């Protein structure tokens, strides 16, 4: 079933895969302390900010999956309270990974008809298109996180 494969691909980039990038968000983030995650290199985004950015979209789509409205906006996708302690970082990671699993579980439960339905509005395309976009968006930022992590740790 297509939904099961989509859920698996989503889990691969966020939680447990190594097939495409030989890593995933959880592998890259779980061993970092908050200071490393929030270290800025030049004008690049921090690791924490990129992870929060992806989480923002996961949460926004989860809200729709649970019958809510689509409230996320690109202009707010990098606006987050600062992470200022290890507890803040660990709490964020727990929410991030739990919400990613919720997303994957909802995707796995979708049938073929729902995957082809419009996501909120015709202008956004189908559910499947938006799930694919979330996976691609996550890989894009995973690559950035991997490189920034190498830069921060080599200082």
N, C-alpha and C. Protein backbone atom coordinates (compact mmCIF):
# COMPACT_ATOMS: atom_id res chain seq x y z
N UNK A 1 0.84 -1.19 0.00
CA UNK A 1 0.00 0.00 0.00
C UNK A 1 0.89 1.25 0.00
N UNK A 2 0.51 2.22 -0.81
CA UNK A 2 1.29 3.46 -0.96
C UNK A 2 1.48 4.20 0.37
N UNK A 3 0.44 4.25 1.20
CA UNK A 3 0.55 4.99 2.46
C UNK A 3 1.59 4.38 3.38
N UNK A 4 1.70 3.07 3.39
CA UNK A 4 2.71 2.40 4.21
C UNK A 4 4.11 2.75 3.73
N UNK A 5 4.30 2.81 2.43
CA UNK A 5 5.60 3.18 1.88
C UNK A 5 5.94 4.64 2.18
N UNK A 6 4.95 5.52 2.08
CA UNK A 6 5.18 6.93 2.41
C UNK A 6 5.56 7.09 3.88
N UNK A 7 4.86 6.39 4.75
CA UNK A 7 5.17 6.45 6.18
C UNK A 7 6.58 5.94 6.45
N UNK A 8 6.96 4.87 5.76
CA UNK A 8 8.30 4.32 5.91
C UNK A 8 9.36 5.33 5.45
N UNK A 9 9.12 5.98 4.31
CA UNK A 9 10.07 6.98 3.81
C UNK A 9 10.18 8.16 4.79
N UNK A 10 9.06 8.57 5.36
CA UNK A 10 9.09 9.66 6.33
C UNK A 10 9.89 9.26 7.56
N UNK A 11 9.65 8.06 8.06
CA UNK A 11 10.40 7.58 9.23
C UNK A 11 11.90 7.49 8.92
N UNK A 12 12.23 7.10 7.69
CA UNK A 12 13.65 6.98 7.31
C UNK A 12 14.39 8.30 7.48
N UNK A 13 13.82 9.39 7.03
CA UNK A 13 14.51 10.67 7.12
C UNK A 13 14.47 11.25 8.53
N UNK A 14 13.41 10.99 9.27
CA UNK A 14 13.28 11.59 10.58
C UNK A 14 13.78 10.72 11.72
N UNK A 15 13.48 9.43 11.68
CA UNK A 15 13.62 8.63 12.89
C UNK A 15 14.60 7.46 12.83
N UNK A 16 14.71 6.77 11.70
CA UNK A 16 15.45 5.52 11.79
C UNK A 16 16.11 5.04 10.51
N UNK A 17 16.14 5.83 9.48
CA UNK A 17 16.65 5.33 8.21
C UNK A 17 18.08 5.71 7.92
N UNK A 18 18.66 4.96 7.00
CA UNK A 18 20.01 5.27 6.54
C UNK A 18 20.13 5.06 5.03
N UNK A 19 19.03 4.76 4.37
CA UNK A 19 19.10 4.36 2.97
C UNK A 19 19.52 5.50 2.04
N UNK A 20 18.92 6.67 2.15
CA UNK A 20 19.20 7.78 1.23
C UNK A 20 20.43 8.58 1.68
N UNK A 21 20.43 9.05 2.90
CA UNK A 21 21.48 9.96 3.38
C UNK A 21 22.47 9.29 4.33
N UNK A 22 22.29 8.00 4.58
CA UNK A 22 23.13 7.27 5.51
C UNK A 22 23.02 7.82 6.93
N UNK A 23 21.95 8.57 7.19
CA UNK A 23 21.68 9.13 8.51
C UNK A 23 20.24 9.60 8.53
N UNK A 24 19.82 10.16 9.66
CA UNK A 24 18.48 10.71 9.80
C UNK A 24 18.51 11.78 10.89
N UNK A 25 17.41 12.50 11.05
CA UNK A 25 17.38 13.57 12.05
C UNK A 25 17.71 13.06 13.45
N UNK A 26 17.10 11.95 13.84
CA UNK A 26 17.33 11.45 15.20
C UNK A 26 18.80 11.14 15.43
N UNK A 27 19.43 10.46 14.46
CA UNK A 27 20.86 10.16 14.59
C UNK A 27 21.70 11.43 14.71
N UNK A 28 21.36 12.44 13.95
CA UNK A 28 22.14 13.68 13.94
C UNK A 28 21.92 14.52 15.19
N UNK A 29 20.74 14.44 15.80
CA UNK A 29 20.39 15.36 16.88
C UNK A 29 20.49 14.78 18.28
N UNK A 30 20.24 13.51 18.44
CA UNK A 30 20.10 12.96 19.79
C UNK A 30 21.39 13.02 20.62
N UNK A 31 22.55 13.07 19.97
CA UNK A 31 23.80 13.10 20.73
C UNK A 31 24.35 14.51 20.93
N UNK A 32 23.62 15.51 20.47
CA UNK A 32 24.10 16.90 20.60
C UNK A 32 23.65 17.53 21.90
N UNK A 33 24.50 18.34 22.48
CA UNK A 33 24.07 19.14 23.62
C UNK A 33 23.48 20.45 23.07
N UNK A 34 22.78 21.15 23.91
CA UNK A 34 22.05 22.34 23.48
C UNK A 34 22.98 23.43 22.97
N UNK A 35 24.17 23.53 23.55
CA UNK A 35 25.10 24.58 23.11
C UNK A 35 25.60 24.31 21.70
N UNK A 36 25.89 23.06 21.39
CA UNK A 36 26.29 22.70 20.02
C UNK A 36 25.14 22.96 19.06
N UNK A 37 23.94 22.56 19.45
CA UNK A 37 22.77 22.71 18.59
C UNK A 37 22.44 24.17 18.31
N UNK A 38 22.82 25.06 19.19
CA UNK A 38 22.49 26.48 19.02
C UNK A 38 23.69 27.33 18.59
N UNK A 39 24.82 26.69 18.30
CA UNK A 39 26.00 27.43 17.84
C UNK A 39 25.79 27.93 16.42
N UNK A 40 26.07 29.20 16.24
CA UNK A 40 25.91 29.81 14.91
C UNK A 40 27.27 29.84 14.20
N UNK A 41 27.25 29.44 12.95
CA UNK A 41 28.43 29.53 12.08
C UNK A 41 28.10 30.59 11.03
N UNK A 42 28.78 31.72 11.12
CA UNK A 42 28.53 32.80 10.16
C UNK A 42 27.06 33.17 10.13
N UNK A 43 26.51 33.25 8.92
CA UNK A 43 25.09 33.62 8.81
C UNK A 43 24.20 32.40 8.55
N UNK A 44 24.74 31.20 8.80
CA UNK A 44 23.94 29.98 8.63
C UNK A 44 22.95 29.82 9.78
N UNK A 45 21.85 29.16 9.50
CA UNK A 45 20.93 28.81 10.58
C UNK A 45 21.61 27.83 11.51
N UNK A 46 21.16 27.78 12.75
CA UNK A 46 21.70 26.81 13.70
C UNK A 46 21.02 25.46 13.47
N UNK A 47 21.64 24.44 13.99
CA UNK A 47 21.06 23.10 13.93
C UNK A 47 19.69 23.10 14.61
N UNK A 48 19.62 23.72 15.77
CA UNK A 48 18.35 23.77 16.51
C UNK A 48 17.27 24.47 15.69
N UNK A 49 17.60 25.57 15.07
CA UNK A 49 16.62 26.32 14.30
C UNK A 49 16.11 25.51 13.11
N UNK A 50 16.99 24.79 12.44
CA UNK A 50 16.57 23.96 11.31
C UNK A 50 15.68 22.81 11.78
N UNK A 51 16.01 22.21 12.90
CA UNK A 51 15.16 21.15 13.44
C UNK A 51 13.80 21.69 13.85
N UNK A 52 13.78 22.86 14.48
CA UNK A 52 12.51 23.48 14.87
C UNK A 52 11.68 23.83 13.63
N UNK A 53 12.33 24.25 12.58
CA UNK A 53 11.66 24.59 11.32
C UNK A 53 10.93 23.36 10.76
N UNK A 54 11.61 22.23 10.70
CA UNK A 54 10.97 21.00 10.21
C UNK A 54 9.84 20.59 11.15
N UNK A 55 10.06 20.70 12.44
CA UNK A 55 9.02 20.36 13.41
C UNK A 55 7.79 21.24 13.23
N UNK A 56 7.99 22.49 12.93
CA UNK A 56 6.88 23.43 12.70
C UNK A 56 5.95 22.90 11.60
N UNK A 57 6.53 22.43 10.51
CA UNK A 57 5.72 21.92 9.40
C UNK A 57 5.09 20.57 9.76
N UNK A 58 5.80 19.72 10.46
CA UNK A 58 5.22 18.45 10.90
C UNK A 58 4.00 18.73 11.77
N UNK A 59 4.14 19.63 12.72
CA UNK A 59 3.01 19.96 13.60
C UNK A 59 1.83 20.53 12.83
N UNK A 60 2.12 21.42 11.89
CA UNK A 60 1.05 22.03 11.11
C UNK A 60 0.28 21.03 10.28
N UNK A 61 0.99 20.08 9.69
CA UNK A 61 0.32 19.05 8.90
C UNK A 61 -0.39 18.05 9.82
N UNK A 62 0.22 17.73 10.95
CA UNK A 62 -0.46 16.86 11.92
C UNK A 62 -1.80 17.45 12.33
N UNK A 63 -1.85 18.75 12.51
CA UNK A 63 -3.10 19.40 12.90
C UNK A 63 -4.19 19.12 11.87
N UNK A 64 -3.84 19.20 10.59
CA UNK A 64 -4.79 18.90 9.51
C UNK A 64 -5.16 17.42 9.54
N UNK A 65 -4.17 16.55 9.74
CA UNK A 65 -4.43 15.11 9.81
C UNK A 65 -5.44 14.77 10.89
N UNK A 66 -5.48 15.56 11.94
CA UNK A 66 -6.39 15.32 13.06
C UNK A 66 -7.68 16.14 12.95
N UNK A 67 -7.96 16.65 11.74
CA UNK A 67 -9.23 17.34 11.52
C UNK A 67 -9.20 18.84 11.75
N UNK A 68 -8.04 19.39 12.03
CA UNK A 68 -7.93 20.82 12.29
C UNK A 68 -7.67 21.63 11.02
N UNK A 69 -7.41 22.89 11.22
CA UNK A 69 -7.16 23.81 10.11
C UNK A 69 -5.67 23.88 9.80
N UNK A 70 -5.37 24.36 8.61
CA UNK A 70 -3.98 24.57 8.21
C UNK A 70 -3.59 25.98 8.61
N UNK A 71 -2.83 26.09 9.69
CA UNK A 71 -2.49 27.40 10.26
C UNK A 71 -1.03 27.79 10.04
N UNK A 72 -0.21 26.89 9.51
CA UNK A 72 1.20 27.20 9.34
C UNK A 72 1.38 28.18 8.18
N UNK A 73 2.37 29.05 8.33
CA UNK A 73 2.71 30.04 7.31
C UNK A 73 4.22 30.11 7.21
N UNK A 74 4.71 30.16 5.97
CA UNK A 74 6.15 30.21 5.75
C UNK A 74 6.81 31.34 6.53
N UNK A 75 6.14 32.49 6.61
CA UNK A 75 6.77 33.64 7.26
C UNK A 75 7.02 33.43 8.76
N UNK A 76 6.36 32.42 9.35
CA UNK A 76 6.57 32.12 10.77
C UNK A 76 7.41 30.86 11.00
N UNK A 77 7.91 30.27 9.93
CA UNK A 77 8.53 28.95 10.04
C UNK A 77 9.94 28.95 10.63
N UNK A 78 10.44 30.12 10.99
CA UNK A 78 11.73 30.21 11.69
C UNK A 78 11.61 31.04 12.96
N UNK A 79 10.40 31.28 13.42
CA UNK A 79 10.16 32.09 14.62
C UNK A 79 9.88 31.18 15.81
N UNK A 80 10.89 30.99 16.66
CA UNK A 80 10.74 30.12 17.80
C UNK A 80 11.42 30.73 19.01
N UNK A 81 10.92 30.42 20.20
CA UNK A 81 11.64 30.87 21.39
C UNK A 81 13.02 30.22 21.42
N UNK A 82 14.01 30.93 21.90
CA UNK A 82 15.36 30.36 21.91
C UNK A 82 15.46 29.16 22.85
N UNK A 83 16.31 28.25 22.49
CA UNK A 83 16.66 27.13 23.37
C UNK A 83 17.83 27.61 24.21
N UNK A 84 17.64 27.60 25.53
CA UNK A 84 18.64 28.20 26.41
C UNK A 84 19.18 27.23 27.46
N UNK A 85 18.82 25.94 27.35
CA UNK A 85 19.33 24.97 28.32
C UNK A 85 19.24 23.56 27.73
N UNK A 86 19.92 22.64 28.37
CA UNK A 86 19.86 21.24 27.95
C UNK A 86 18.43 20.71 28.11
N UNK A 87 17.74 21.14 29.14
CA UNK A 87 16.36 20.70 29.35
C UNK A 87 15.47 21.18 28.20
N UNK A 88 15.63 22.44 27.79
CA UNK A 88 14.87 22.95 26.63
C UNK A 88 15.12 22.07 25.41
N UNK A 89 16.38 21.76 25.16
CA UNK A 89 16.76 20.98 23.98
C UNK A 89 16.17 19.57 24.06
N UNK A 90 16.32 18.92 25.19
CA UNK A 90 15.80 17.56 25.34
C UNK A 90 14.28 17.52 25.23
N UNK A 91 13.61 18.52 25.80
CA UNK A 91 12.15 18.59 25.69
C UNK A 91 11.73 18.79 24.24
N UNK A 92 12.45 19.66 23.53
CA UNK A 92 12.14 19.86 22.12
C UNK A 92 12.32 18.55 21.34
N UNK A 93 13.45 17.87 21.53
CA UNK A 93 13.71 16.64 20.80
C UNK A 93 12.64 15.59 21.06
N UNK A 94 12.21 15.48 22.30
CA UNK A 94 11.15 14.51 22.63
C UNK A 94 9.86 14.84 21.87
N UNK A 95 9.47 16.11 21.87
CA UNK A 95 8.27 16.53 21.12
C UNK A 95 8.46 16.28 19.63
N UNK A 96 9.62 16.65 19.12
CA UNK A 96 9.92 16.51 17.69
C UNK A 96 9.78 15.06 17.25
N UNK A 97 10.44 14.14 17.94
CA UNK A 97 10.41 12.74 17.54
C UNK A 97 9.04 12.12 17.77
N UNK A 98 8.35 12.49 18.84
CA UNK A 98 6.99 11.98 19.06
C UNK A 98 6.04 12.48 17.98
N UNK A 99 6.14 13.75 17.64
CA UNK A 99 5.27 14.32 16.60
C UNK A 99 5.59 13.73 15.23
N UNK A 100 6.85 13.42 14.99
CA UNK A 100 7.22 12.77 13.73
C UNK A 100 6.61 11.37 13.65
N UNK A 101 6.62 10.64 14.74
CA UNK A 101 6.00 9.31 14.75
C UNK A 101 4.49 9.41 14.59
N UNK A 102 3.87 10.41 15.19
CA UNK A 102 2.44 10.63 15.01
C UNK A 102 2.13 10.88 13.54
N UNK A 103 2.93 11.72 12.91
CA UNK A 103 2.78 12.02 11.48
C UNK A 103 2.86 10.72 10.67
N UNK A 104 3.91 9.94 10.89
CA UNK A 104 4.10 8.69 10.14
C UNK A 104 2.94 7.73 10.37
N UNK A 105 2.47 7.62 11.59
CA UNK A 105 1.36 6.72 11.89
C UNK A 105 0.09 7.14 11.17
N UNK A 106 -0.18 8.43 11.13
CA UNK A 106 -1.37 8.93 10.41
C UNK A 106 -1.24 8.65 8.92
N UNK A 107 -0.06 8.86 8.36
CA UNK A 107 0.15 8.58 6.94
C UNK A 107 -0.09 7.10 6.65
N UNK A 108 0.43 6.22 7.49
CA UNK A 108 0.30 4.78 7.28
C UNK A 108 -1.17 4.34 7.28
N UNK A 109 -2.03 5.08 7.97
CA UNK A 109 -3.44 4.73 8.06
C UNK A 109 -4.28 5.23 6.88
N UNK A 110 -3.70 6.07 6.04
CA UNK A 110 -4.47 6.64 4.94
C UNK A 110 -4.70 5.60 3.84
N UNK A 111 -5.87 5.70 3.23
CA UNK A 111 -6.14 4.83 2.09
C UNK A 111 -5.81 5.57 0.80
N UNK A 112 -5.87 4.84 -0.29
CA UNK A 112 -5.49 5.41 -1.60
C UNK A 112 -6.37 6.60 -1.98
N UNK A 113 -7.63 6.53 -1.64
CA UNK A 113 -8.55 7.63 -1.96
C UNK A 113 -8.14 8.90 -1.23
N UNK A 114 -7.86 8.77 0.07
CA UNK A 114 -7.46 9.95 0.84
C UNK A 114 -6.15 10.53 0.34
N UNK A 115 -5.20 9.69 -0.02
CA UNK A 115 -3.91 10.18 -0.52
C UNK A 115 -4.09 11.04 -1.77
N UNK A 116 -5.10 10.76 -2.54
CA UNK A 116 -5.34 11.50 -3.79
C UNK A 116 -6.25 12.72 -3.61
N UNK A 117 -6.88 12.84 -2.44
CA UNK A 117 -7.75 13.98 -2.17
C UNK A 117 -6.93 15.25 -2.01
N UNK A 118 -7.59 16.39 -2.24
CA UNK A 118 -6.93 17.67 -2.04
C UNK A 118 -6.58 17.86 -0.57
N UNK A 119 -5.41 18.38 -0.32
CA UNK A 119 -4.96 18.70 1.03
C UNK A 119 -5.46 20.10 1.37
N UNK A 120 -6.49 20.19 2.14
CA UNK A 120 -7.12 21.43 2.60
C UNK A 120 -7.80 22.19 1.46
N UNK A 121 -7.06 22.46 0.41
CA UNK A 121 -7.56 23.27 -0.71
C UNK A 121 -6.89 22.77 -1.98
N UNK A 122 -7.59 22.88 -3.08
CA UNK A 122 -7.07 22.40 -4.36
C UNK A 122 -5.70 22.98 -4.69
N UNK A 123 -5.47 24.23 -4.29
CA UNK A 123 -4.20 24.89 -4.62
C UNK A 123 -2.99 24.21 -3.98
N UNK A 124 -3.20 23.42 -2.93
CA UNK A 124 -2.09 22.73 -2.26
C UNK A 124 -1.83 21.34 -2.84
N UNK A 125 -2.64 20.90 -3.76
CA UNK A 125 -2.46 19.57 -4.33
C UNK A 125 -3.00 18.51 -3.39
N UNK A 126 -2.57 17.28 -3.62
CA UNK A 126 -3.10 16.13 -2.88
C UNK A 126 -2.36 15.93 -1.55
N UNK A 127 -2.96 15.08 -0.73
CA UNK A 127 -2.29 14.66 0.50
C UNK A 127 -0.94 14.03 0.15
N UNK A 128 -0.92 13.16 -0.87
CA UNK A 128 0.32 12.49 -1.23
C UNK A 128 1.39 13.50 -1.64
N UNK A 129 1.01 14.49 -2.40
CA UNK A 129 1.99 15.50 -2.83
C UNK A 129 2.58 16.22 -1.62
N UNK A 130 1.74 16.55 -0.65
CA UNK A 130 2.21 17.25 0.54
C UNK A 130 3.08 16.37 1.43
N UNK A 131 2.76 15.10 1.51
CA UNK A 131 3.59 14.18 2.28
C UNK A 131 4.94 14.00 1.60
N UNK A 132 4.93 13.82 0.28
CA UNK A 132 6.19 13.75 -0.47
C UNK A 132 7.02 15.02 -0.28
N UNK A 133 6.35 16.17 -0.32
CA UNK A 133 7.06 17.44 -0.13
C UNK A 133 7.68 17.53 1.26
N UNK A 134 6.97 17.02 2.26
CA UNK A 134 7.50 17.04 3.63
C UNK A 134 8.76 16.18 3.72
N UNK A 135 8.75 15.03 3.07
CA UNK A 135 9.92 14.15 3.05
C UNK A 135 11.09 14.84 2.36
N UNK A 136 10.84 15.43 1.19
CA UNK A 136 11.90 16.11 0.45
C UNK A 136 12.43 17.32 1.23
N UNK A 137 11.54 18.07 1.84
CA UNK A 137 11.93 19.23 2.65
C UNK A 137 12.82 18.77 3.81
N UNK A 138 12.44 17.68 4.43
CA UNK A 138 13.23 17.16 5.55
C UNK A 138 14.63 16.74 5.10
N UNK A 139 14.73 16.06 3.96
CA UNK A 139 16.06 15.68 3.46
C UNK A 139 16.92 16.90 3.15
N UNK A 140 16.31 17.92 2.59
CA UNK A 140 17.03 19.16 2.28
C UNK A 140 17.68 19.72 3.55
N UNK A 141 16.90 19.84 4.61
CA UNK A 141 17.43 20.41 5.85
C UNK A 141 18.31 19.42 6.61
N UNK A 142 18.08 18.12 6.44
CA UNK A 142 18.98 17.14 7.05
C UNK A 142 20.39 17.31 6.50
N UNK A 143 20.50 17.54 5.21
CA UNK A 143 21.82 17.79 4.62
C UNK A 143 22.48 19.01 5.23
N UNK A 144 21.72 20.07 5.43
CA UNK A 144 22.27 21.27 6.06
C UNK A 144 22.72 20.98 7.49
N UNK A 145 21.89 20.28 8.23
CA UNK A 145 22.22 19.96 9.62
C UNK A 145 23.50 19.14 9.69
N UNK A 146 23.63 18.17 8.82
CA UNK A 146 24.82 17.32 8.80
C UNK A 146 26.08 18.14 8.55
N UNK A 147 26.02 19.05 7.59
CA UNK A 147 27.18 19.89 7.30
C UNK A 147 27.48 20.88 8.43
N UNK A 148 26.44 21.51 8.95
CA UNK A 148 26.64 22.48 10.04
C UNK A 148 27.20 21.77 11.27
N UNK A 149 26.71 20.58 11.54
CA UNK A 149 27.23 19.80 12.69
C UNK A 149 28.73 19.55 12.53
N UNK A 150 29.15 19.18 11.32
CA UNK A 150 30.58 18.96 11.07
C UNK A 150 31.37 20.24 11.28
N UNK A 151 30.84 21.36 10.83
CA UNK A 151 31.53 22.64 11.02
C UNK A 151 31.64 23.01 12.49
N UNK A 152 30.55 22.86 13.21
CA UNK A 152 30.55 23.22 14.64
C UNK A 152 31.50 22.32 15.41
N UNK A 153 31.47 21.04 15.17
CA UNK A 153 32.30 20.10 15.92
C UNK A 153 33.77 20.17 15.55
N UNK A 154 34.09 20.76 14.40
CA UNK A 154 35.50 20.86 14.00
C UNK A 154 36.15 22.15 14.50
N UNK A 155 35.43 22.97 15.20
CA UNK A 155 35.98 24.24 15.71
C UNK A 155 36.91 24.02 16.86
